[in-house]
Each structure stands twice: as C-alpha cells, then as structure tokens.
C-alpha cells in the first residue's frame, strides 16, 4: 500500500470515527440510547467524504511538490 492510499484511508477512518463519536456524545447528552447502526452509518458516510477531501489535499500537495 503506497503512502497516498494510507493517508486517504487513515484520514477517512479517523475523521469518520471522530465525527460519529461526537454525534454519539450529543445523543447521549440528549438522553437517547446508543444506536450502533447510526454510529456505523455516521462513520461510513462522513468517513467517505473525509477520505475524498484527504485525497484531494494529498493530490494537490504531490502536484505542488512535483513543480518545485
């Protein structure tokens, strides 16, 4: 696995876990029970978009380094 792919997967996974954890914390604060399906959905949904964003940033950075 190359370093760009590792960055994309790690960025997506960490971003998704953090977002889902924060949303679960808000639900807990509001007195709702923990719902695993909602947590998994948040991780996958937000993690996908975070991974796409990370891919864009990594691609831009590598193009910038190739110019210099």
Protein backbone atom coordinates (compact mmCIF):
# COMPACT_ATOMS: atom_id res chain seq x y z
CA UNK A 1 0.00 0.00 0.00
CA UNK A 2 1.53 3.33 -1.02
CA UNK A 3 1.72 6.35 1.27
CA UNK A 4 -1.03 8.30 -0.54
CA UNK A 5 -3.52 5.48 -0.11
CA UNK A 6 -2.54 5.10 3.56
CA UNK A 7 -3.15 8.82 4.08
CA UNK A 8 -6.55 8.67 2.39
CA UNK A 9 -7.74 5.60 4.32
CA UNK A 10 -6.38 6.88 7.64
CA UNK A 11 -7.88 10.34 7.12
CA UNK A 12 -11.26 8.91 6.22
CA UNK A 13 -11.30 6.43 9.08
CA UNK A 14 -10.16 8.87 11.75
CA UNK A 15 -12.47 11.61 10.50
CA UNK A 16 -15.43 9.24 10.46
CA UNK A 17 -14.73 7.85 13.93
CA UNK A 18 -14.31 11.32 15.44
CA UNK A 19 -17.50 12.63 13.83
CA UNK A 20 -19.52 9.55 14.84
CA UNK A 21 -18.16 9.78 18.39
CA UNK A 22 -19.17 13.41 18.68
CA UNK A 23 -22.65 12.64 17.33
CA UNK A 24 -23.00 9.73 19.77
CA UNK A 25 -21.94 12.09 22.57
CA UNK A 26 -24.65 14.57 21.60
CA UNK A 27 -27.22 11.76 21.54
CA UNK A 28 -26.08 10.58 24.98
CA UNK A 29 -26.31 14.13 26.30
CA UNK A 30 -29.89 14.37 24.98
CA UNK A 31 -30.77 11.17 26.86
CA UNK A 32 -31.01 8.86 23.83
CA UNK A 33 -29.66 5.33 23.78
CA UNK A 34 -26.58 4.38 21.79
CA UNK A 35 -27.58 3.05 18.36
CA UNK A 36 -24.90 1.02 16.63
CA UNK A 37 -26.44 1.34 13.15
CA UNK A 38 -26.45 5.14 13.47
CA UNK A 39 -22.82 5.12 14.61
CA UNK A 40 -21.74 2.88 11.72
CA UNK A 41 -23.70 5.00 9.23
CA UNK A 42 -22.03 8.18 10.52
CA UNK A 43 -18.57 6.58 10.30
CA UNK A 44 -19.14 5.36 6.75
CA UNK A 45 -20.93 8.46 5.45
CA UNK A 46 -18.70 11.11 6.96
CA UNK A 47 -15.59 8.97 6.58
CA UNK A 48 -16.23 8.72 2.84
CA UNK A 49 -16.37 12.47 2.46
CA UNK A 50 -13.35 12.97 4.69
CA UNK A 51 -11.44 10.44 2.58
CA UNK A 52 -12.42 12.28 -0.61
CA UNK A 53 -11.25 15.54 0.94
CA UNK A 54 -7.99 13.94 2.05
CA UNK A 55 -7.46 12.53 -1.46
CA UNK A 56 -7.90 15.99 -2.97
CA UNK A 57 -5.43 17.53 -0.50
CA UNK A 58 -2.82 14.79 -0.99
CA UNK A 59 -3.13 15.05 -4.77
CA UNK A 60 -2.72 18.85 -4.69
CA UNK A 61 0.28 18.57 -2.38
CA UNK A 62 2.01 15.98 -4.58
CA UNK A 63 1.42 18.14 -7.69
CA UNK A 64 2.87 21.12 -5.82
CA UNK A 65 5.98 19.14 -4.83
CA UNK A 66 6.49 17.94 -8.43
CA UNK A 67 6.51 21.55 -9.67
CA UNK A 68 9.30 22.54 -7.27
